[in-house]
Amino acid sequence: MKIDMAKQLIRTEQMNFTQISEKLGYSSIHYFSRQFKKRTGMTPSEYASSIKAMADRDMRQERKGSRKKDSRKRH
């Protein structure tokens, strides 16, 4: 449950990892990071990067899709 909450907090980008670990009651950022990796297979940093990469990819696809619609209107 704590790791699911941590993932949600990471996605909102309003707190850093130390703040998240403290909020969730972990004794240290290191212990939090180890537990996060044990449960998810990636570190909190890797998770945050993967979320950002997915969001960036989605944005590029949206822009590409809107350009196709615009070019169809011109023809």
PDB file of N, CA and C in Angstrom:
ATOM      1  N   MET A   1       0.819  -1.204   0.000  1.00  0.00           N
ATOM      2  CA  MET A   1       0.000   0.000   0.000  1.00  0.00           C
ATOM      3  C   MET A   1       0.859   1.264   0.000  1.00  0.00           C
ATOM      4  N   LYS A   2       1.922   1.277   0.818  1.00  0.00           N
ATOM      5  CA  LYS A   2       2.782   2.453   0.868  1.00  0.00           C
ATOM      6  C   LYS A   2       3.423   2.714  -0.490  1.00  0.00           C
ATOM      7  N   ILE A   3       3.834   1.652  -1.173  1.00  0.00           N
ATOM      8  CA  ILE A   3       4.498   1.825  -2.461  1.00  0.00           C
ATOM      9  C   ILE A   3       3.511   2.362  -3.496  1.00  0.00           C
ATOM     10  N   ASP A   4       2.265   1.909  -3.442  1.00  0.00           N
ATOM     11  CA  ASP A   4       1.251   2.458  -4.357  1.00  0.00           C
ATOM     12  C   ASP A   4       1.049   3.946  -4.108  1.00  0.00           C
ATOM     13  N   MET A   5       1.035   4.338  -2.850  1.00  0.00           N
ATOM     14  CA  MET A   5       0.911   5.756  -2.504  1.00  0.00           C
ATOM     15  C   MET A   5       2.141   6.516  -2.981  1.00  0.00           C
ATOM     16  N   ALA A   6       3.311   5.907  -2.819  1.00  0.00           N
ATOM     17  CA  ALA A   6       4.555   6.547  -3.272  1.00  0.00           C
ATOM     18  C   ALA A   6       4.507   6.772  -4.782  1.00  0.00           C
ATOM     19  N   LYS A   7       4.038   5.776  -5.530  1.00  0.00           N
ATOM     20  CA  LYS A   7       3.932   5.921  -6.984  1.00  0.00           C
ATOM     21  C   LYS A   7       2.996   7.071  -7.345  1.00  0.00           C
ATOM     22  N   GLN A   8       1.905   7.176  -6.633  1.00  0.00           N
ATOM     23  CA  GLN A   8       0.959   8.266  -6.884  1.00  0.00           C
ATOM     24  C   GLN A   8       1.614   9.619  -6.588  1.00  0.00           C
ATOM     25  N   LEU A   9       2.327   9.707  -5.479  1.00  0.00           N
ATOM     26  CA  LEU A   9       2.994  10.958  -5.113  1.00  0.00           C
ATOM     27  C   LEU A   9       4.095  11.319  -6.112  1.00  0.00           C
ATOM     28  N   ILE A  10       4.808  10.322  -6.606  1.00  0.00           N
ATOM     29  CA  ILE A  10       5.842  10.571  -7.610  1.00  0.00           C
ATOM     30  C   ILE A  10       5.205  11.121  -8.883  1.00  0.00           C
ATOM     31  N   ARG A  11       4.065  10.555  -9.279  1.00  0.00           N
ATOM     32  CA  ARG A  11       3.385  11.025 -10.503  1.00  0.00           C
ATOM     33  C   ARG A  11       2.932  12.470 -10.399  1.00  0.00           C
ATOM     34  N   THR A  12       2.578  12.920  -9.201  1.00  0.00           N
ATOM     35  CA  THR A  12       2.101  14.302  -9.061  1.00  0.00           C
ATOM     36  C   THR A  12       3.238  15.313  -9.093  1.00  0.00           C
ATOM     37  N   GLU A  13       4.481  14.855  -8.871  1.00  0.00           N
ATOM     38  CA  GLU A  13       5.681  15.704  -8.927  1.00  0.00           C
ATOM     39  C   GLU A  13       5.625  16.894  -7.970  1.00  0.00           C
ATOM     40  N   GLN A  14       4.932  16.753  -6.853  1.00  0.00           N
ATOM     41  CA  GLN A  14       4.845  17.854  -5.898  1.00  0.00           C
ATOM     42  C   GLN A  14       5.796  17.692  -4.713  1.00  0.00           C
ATOM     43  N   MET A  15       6.379  16.514  -4.565  1.00  0.00           N
ATOM     44  CA  MET A  15       7.288  16.242  -3.454  1.00  0.00           C
ATOM     45  C   MET A  15       8.519  15.531  -3.992  1.00  0.00           C
ATOM     46  N   ASN A  16       9.661  15.759  -3.333  1.00  0.00           N
ATOM     47  CA  ASN A  16      10.843  14.991  -3.722  1.00  0.00           C
ATOM     48  C   ASN A  16      10.818  13.637  -3.000  1.00  0.00           C
ATOM     49  N   PHE A  17      11.773  12.773  -3.328  1.00  0.00           N
ATOM     50  CA  PHE A  17      11.760  11.415  -2.779  1.00  0.00           C
ATOM     51  C   PHE A  17      11.949  11.395  -1.264  1.00  0.00           C
ATOM     52  N   THR A  18      12.760  12.289  -0.753  1.00  0.00           N
ATOM     53  CA  THR A  18      12.951  12.358   0.702  1.00  0.00           C
ATOM     54  C   THR A  18      11.640  12.729   1.383  1.00  0.00           C
ATOM     55  N   GLN A  19      10.939  13.711   0.846  1.00  0.00           N
ATOM     56  CA  GLN A  19       9.653  14.119   1.421  1.00  0.00           C
ATOM     57  C   GLN A  19       8.636  12.990   1.352  1.00  0.00           C
ATOM     58  N   ILE A  20       8.623  12.279   0.239  1.00  0.00           N
ATOM     59  CA  ILE A  20       7.695  11.154   0.082  1.00  0.00           C
ATOM     60  C   ILE A  20       8.006  10.066   1.104  1.00  0.00           C
ATOM     61  N   SER A  21       9.292   9.729   1.249  1.00  0.00           N
ATOM     62  CA  SER A  21       9.650   8.667   2.201  1.00  0.00           C
ATOM     63  C   SER A  21       9.280   9.064   3.626  1.00  0.00           C
ATOM     64  N   GLU A  22       9.496  10.325   3.982  1.00  0.00           N
ATOM     65  CA  GLU A  22       9.125  10.790   5.323  1.00  0.00           C
ATOM     66  C   GLU A  22       7.611  10.761   5.509  1.00  0.00           C
ATOM     67  N   LYS A  23       6.885  11.230   4.496  1.00  0.00           N
ATOM     68  CA  LYS A  23       5.412  11.260   4.588  1.00  0.00           C
ATOM     69  C   LYS A  23       4.846   9.863   4.806  1.00  0.00           C
ATOM     70  N   LEU A  24       5.466   8.870   4.174  1.00  0.00           N
ATOM     71  CA  LEU A  24       4.972   7.502   4.274  1.00  0.00           C
ATOM     72  C   LEU A  24       5.537   6.734   5.470  1.00  0.00           C
ATOM     73  N   GLY A  25       6.380   7.396   6.264  1.00  0.00           N
ATOM     74  CA  GLY A  25       6.849   6.793   7.503  1.00  0.00           C
ATOM     75  C   GLY A  25       8.082   5.921   7.390  1.00  0.00           C
ATOM     76  N   TYR A  26       8.820   6.026   6.300  1.00  0.00           N
ATOM     77  CA  TYR A  26      10.055   5.249   6.180  1.00  0.00           C
ATOM     78  C   TYR A  26      11.140   5.890   7.039  1.00  0.00           C
ATOM     79  N   SER A  27      12.019   5.059   7.582  1.00  0.00           N
ATOM     80  CA  SER A  27      13.058   5.551   8.480  1.00  0.00           C
ATOM     81  C   SER A  27      14.168   6.295   7.742  1.00  0.00           C
ATOM     82  N   SER A  28      14.329   6.006   6.453  1.00  0.00           N
ATOM     83  CA  SER A  28      15.339   6.709   5.665  1.00  0.00           C
ATOM     84  C   SER A  28      14.982   6.628   4.188  1.00  0.00           C
ATOM     85  N   ILE A  29      15.561   7.541   3.419  1.00  0.00           N
ATOM     86  CA  ILE A  29      15.368   7.528   1.964  1.00  0.00           C
ATOM     87  C   ILE A  29      15.959   6.260   1.361  1.00  0.00           C
ATOM     88  N   HIS A  30      17.040   5.761   1.954  1.00  0.00           N
ATOM     89  CA  HIS A  30      17.685   4.554   1.440  1.00  0.00           C
ATOM     90  C   HIS A  30      16.799   3.329   1.613  1.00  0.00           C
ATOM     91  N   TYR A  31      16.178   3.220   2.779  1.00  0.00           N
ATOM     92  CA  TYR A  31      15.275   2.097   3.024  1.00  0.00           C
ATOM     93  C   TYR A  31      14.055   2.194   2.101  1.00  0.00           C
ATOM     94  N   PHE A  32      13.523   3.389   1.954  1.00  0.00           N
ATOM     95  CA  PHE A  32      12.394   3.609   1.048  1.00  0.00           C
ATOM     96  C   PHE A  32      12.765   3.171  -0.369  1.00  0.00           C
ATOM     97  N   SER A  33      13.932   3.602  -0.844  1.00  0.00           N
ATOM     98  CA  SER A  33      14.365   3.264  -2.205  1.00  0.00           C
ATOM     99  C   SER A  33      14.523   1.763  -2.390  1.00  0.00           C
ATOM    100  N   ARG A  34      15.089   1.093  -1.385  1.00  0.00           N
ATOM    101  CA  ARG A  34      15.251  -0.369  -1.468  1.00  0.00           C
ATOM    102  C   ARG A  34      13.892  -1.067  -1.516  1.00  0.00           C
ATOM    103  N   GLN A  35      12.975  -0.630  -0.668  1.00  0.00           N
ATOM    104  CA  GLN A  35      11.639  -1.241  -0.653  1.00  0.00           C
ATOM    105  C   GLN A  35      10.898  -0.962  -1.956  1.00  0.00           C
ATOM    106  N   PHE A  36      11.032   0.242  -2.473  1.00  0.00           N
ATOM    107  CA  PHE A  36      10.381   0.602  -3.734  1.00  0.00           C
ATOM    108  C   PHE A  36      10.898  -0.304  -4.851  1.00  0.00           C
ATOM    109  N   LYS A  37      12.225  -0.465  -4.921  1.00  0.00           N
ATOM    110  CA  LYS A  37      12.806  -1.313  -5.965  1.00  0.00           C
ATOM    111  C   LYS A  37      12.401  -2.770  -5.788  1.00  0.00           C
ATOM    112  N   LYS A  38      12.347  -3.236  -4.546  1.00  0.00           N
ATOM    113  CA  LYS A  38      11.956  -4.623  -4.282  1.00  0.00           C
ATOM    114  C   LYS A  38      10.534  -4.884  -4.792  1.00  0.00           C
ATOM    115  N   ARG A  39       9.631  -3.928  -4.598  1.00  0.00           N
ATOM    116  CA  ARG A  39       8.221  -4.095  -4.992  1.00  0.00           C
ATOM    117  C   ARG A  39       7.952  -3.822  -6.467  1.00  0.00           C
ATOM    118  N   THR A  40       8.683  -2.869  -7.059  1.00  0.00           N
ATOM    119  CA  THR A  40       8.357  -2.443  -8.421  1.00  0.00           C
ATOM    120  C   THR A  40       9.374  -2.879  -9.468  1.00  0.00           C
ATOM    121  N   GLY A  41      10.577  -3.266  -9.026  1.00  0.00           N
ATOM    122  CA  GLY A  41      11.620  -3.633  -9.971  1.00  0.00           C
ATOM    123  C   GLY A  41      12.421  -2.445 -10.475  1.00  0.00           C
ATOM    124  N   MET A  42      12.109  -1.249  -9.976  1.00  0.00           N
ATOM    125  CA  MET A  42      12.872  -0.063 -10.360  1.00  0.00           C
ATOM    126  C   MET A  42      12.967   0.891  -9.189  1.00  0.00           C
ATOM    127  N   THR A  43      13.972   1.749  -9.229  1.00  0.00           N
ATOM    128  CA  THR A  43      14.138   2.738  -8.168  1.00  0.00           C
ATOM    129  C   THR A  43      13.097   3.844  -8.339  1.00  0.00           C
ATOM    130  N   PRO A  44      12.885   4.651  -7.313  1.00  0.00           N
ATOM    131  CA  PRO A  44      11.967   5.781  -7.475  1.00  0.00           C
ATOM    132  C   PRO A  44      12.374   6.697  -8.639  1.00  0.00           C
ATOM    133  N   SER A  45      13.670   6.919  -8.811  1.00  0.00           N
ATOM    134  CA  SER A  45      14.145   7.757  -9.925  1.00  0.00           C
ATOM    135  C   SER A  45      13.822   7.127 -11.272  1.00  0.00           C
ATOM    136  N   GLU A  46      14.057   5.825 -11.380  1.00  0.00           N
ATOM    137  CA  GLU A  46      13.736   5.125 -12.634  1.00  0.00           C
ATOM    138  C   GLU A  46      12.244   5.181 -12.910  1.00  0.00           C
ATOM    139  N   TYR A  47      11.437   5.015 -11.860  1.00  0.00           N
ATOM    140  CA  TYR A  47       9.983   5.095 -12.028  1.00  0.00           C
ATOM    141  C   TYR A  47       9.576   6.483 -12.515  1.00  0.00           C
ATOM    142  N   ALA A  48      10.111   7.529 -11.882  1.00  0.00           N
ATOM    143  CA  ALA A  48       9.779   8.898 -12.278  1.00  0.00           C
ATOM    144  C   ALA A  48      10.196   9.151 -13.723  1.00  0.00           C
ATOM    145  N   SER A  49      11.363   8.663 -14.112  1.00  0.00           N
ATOM    146  CA  SER A  49      11.825   8.831 -15.493  1.00  0.00           C
ATOM    147  C   SER A  49      10.925   8.098 -16.473  1.00  0.00           C
ATOM    148  N   SER A  50      10.478   6.905 -16.103  1.00  0.00           N
ATOM    149  CA  SER A  50       9.608   6.143 -17.007  1.00  0.00           C
ATOM    150  C   SER A  50       8.258   6.827 -17.175  1.00  0.00           C
ATOM    151  N   ILE A  51       7.737   7.400 -16.108  1.00  0.00           N
ATOM    152  CA  ILE A  51       6.465   8.135 -16.186  1.00  0.00           C
ATOM    153  C   ILE A  51       6.629   9.349 -17.085  1.00  0.00           C
ATOM    154  N   LYS A  52       7.736  10.072 -16.920  1.00  0.00           N
ATOM    155  CA  LYS A  52       7.993  11.261 -17.737  1.00  0.00           C
ATOM    156  C   LYS A  52       8.151  10.862 -19.201  1.00  0.00           C
ATOM    157  N   ALA A  53       8.868   9.780 -19.469  1.00  0.00           N
ATOM    158  CA  ALA A  53       9.065   9.320 -20.844  1.00  0.00           C
ATOM    159  C   ALA A  53       7.734   8.946 -21.488  1.00  0.00           C
ATOM    160  N   MET A  54       6.857   8.287 -20.737  1.00  0.00           N
ATOM    161  CA  MET A  54       5.541   7.926 -21.274  1.00  0.00           C
ATOM    162  C   MET A  54       4.722   9.173 -21.568  1.00  0.00           C
ATOM    163  N   ALA A  55       4.767  10.149 -20.676  1.00  0.00           N
ATOM    164  CA  ALA A  55       4.017  11.391 -20.876  1.00  0.00           C
ATOM    165  C   ALA A  55       4.552  12.140 -22.093  1.00  0.00           C
ATOM    166  N   ASP A  56       5.878  12.196 -22.241  1.00  0.00           N
ATOM    167  CA  ASP A  56       6.480  12.861 -23.401  1.00  0.00           C
ATOM    168  C   ASP A  56       6.073  12.173 -24.694  1.00  0.00           C
ATOM    169  N   ARG A  57       6.088  10.840 -24.699  1.00  0.00           N
ATOM    170  CA  ARG A  57       5.702  10.078 -25.883  1.00  0.00           C
ATOM    171  C   ARG A  57       4.241  10.345 -26.231  1.00  0.00           C
ATOM    172  N   ASP A  58       3.385  10.364 -25.215  1.00  0.00           N
ATOM    173  CA  ASP A  58       1.968  10.633 -25.446  1.00  0.00           C
ATOM    174  C   ASP A  58       1.755  12.022 -26.032  1.00  0.00           C
ATOM    175  N   MET A  59       2.518  13.005 -25.525  1.00  0.00           N
ATOM    176  CA  MET A  59       2.401  14.376 -26.035  1.00  0.00           C
ATOM    177  C   MET A  59       2.822  14.436 -27.503  1.00  0.00           C
ATOM    178  N   ARG A  60       3.913  13.744 -27.857  1.00  0.00           N
ATOM    179  CA  ARG A  60       4.358  13.736 -29.256  1.00  0.00           C
ATOM    180  C   ARG A  60       3.307  13.096 -30.149  1.00  0.00           C
ATOM    181  N   GLN A  61       2.699  12.022 -29.678  1.00  0.00           N
ATOM    182  CA  GLN A  61       1.681  11.347 -30.474  1.00  0.00           C
ATOM    183  C   GLN A  61       0.443  12.226 -30.643  1.00  0.00           C
ATOM    184  N   GLU A  62       0.075  12.946 -29.588  1.00  0.00           N
ATOM    185  CA  GLU A  62      -1.070  13.854 -29.679  1.00  0.00           C
ATOM    186  C   GLU A  62      -0.797  14.953 -30.698  1.00  0.00           C
ATOM    187  N   ARG A  63       0.405  15.536 -30.645  1.00  0.00           N
ATOM    188  CA  ARG A  63       0.759  16.593 -31.588  1.00  0.00           C
ATOM    189  C   ARG A  63       0.777  16.065 -33.007  1.00  0.00           C
ATOM    190  N   LYS A  64       1.324  14.870 -33.175  1.00  0.00           N
ATOM    191  CA  LYS A  64       1.380  14.267 -34.501  1.00  0.00           C
ATOM    192  C   LYS A  64      -0.039  14.033 -35.020  1.00  0.00           C
ATOM    193  N   GLY A  65      -0.933  13.561 -34.158  1.00  0.00           N
ATOM    194  CA  GLY A  65      -2.320  13.320 -34.549  1.00  0.00           C
ATOM    195  C   GLY A  65      -3.048  14.607 -34.904  1.00  0.00           C
ATOM    196  N   SER A  66      -2.797  15.677 -34.170  1.00  0.00           N
ATOM    197  CA  SER A  66      -3.479  16.935 -34.464  1.00  0.00           C
ATOM    198  C   SER A  66      -2.940  17.541 -35.756  1.00  0.00           C
ATOM    199  N   ARG A  67      -1.666  17.337 -36.066  1.00  0.00           N
ATOM    200  CA  ARG A  67      -1.125  17.835 -37.334  1.00  0.00           C
ATOM    201  C   ARG A  67      -1.742  17.098 -38.503  1.00  0.00           C
ATOM    202  N   LYS A  68      -1.980  15.788 -38.354  1.00  0.00           N
ATOM    203  CA  LYS A  68      -2.618  15.033 -39.431  1.00  0.00           C
ATOM    204  C   LYS A  68      -4.025  15.553 -39.679  1.00  0.00           C
ATOM    205  N   LYS A  69      -4.755  15.845 -38.609  1.00  0.00           N
ATOM    206  CA  LYS A  69      -6.111  16.380 -38.753  1.00  0.00           C
ATOM    207  C   LYS A  69      -6.076  17.729 -39.460  1.00  0.00           C
ATOM    208  N   ASP A  70      -5.121  18.593 -39.084  1.00  0.00           N
ATOM    209  CA  ASP A  70      -4.998  19.912 -39.704  1.00  0.00           C
ATOM    210  C   ASP A  70      -4.675  19.787 -41.181  1.00  0.00           C
ATOM    211  N   SER A  71      -3.789  18.856 -41.552  1.00  0.00           N
ATOM    212  CA  SER A  71      -3.421  18.724 -42.961  1.00  0.00           C
ATOM    213  C   SER A  71      -4.581  18.195 -43.776  1.00  0.00           C
ATOM    214  N   ARG A  72      -5.436  17.382 -43.189  1.00  0.00           N
ATOM    215  CA  ARG A  72      -6.621  16.882 -43.892  1.00  0.00           C
ATOM    216  C   ARG A  72      -7.608  18.009 -44.175  1.00  0.00           C
ATOM    217  N   LYS A  73      -7.707  18.943 -43.258  1.00  0.00           N
ATOM    218  CA  LYS A  73      -8.626  20.062 -43.436  1.00  0.00           C
ATOM    219  C   LYS A  73      -8.185  20.969 -44.573  1.00  0.00           C
ATOM    220  N   ARG A  74      -6.878  21.074 -44.805  1.00  0.00           N
ATOM    221  CA  ARG A  74      -6.360  21.963 -45.834  1.00  0.00           C
ATOM    222  C   ARG A  74      -6.569  21.414 -47.236  1.00  0.00           C
ATOM    223  N   HIS A  75      -6.680  20.113 -47.382  1.00  0.00           N
ATOM    224  CA  HIS A  75      -6.777  19.493 -48.724  1.00  0.00           C
ATOM    225  C   HIS A  75      -8.161  19.564 -49.254  1.00  0.00           C
TER     226      HIS A  75
END
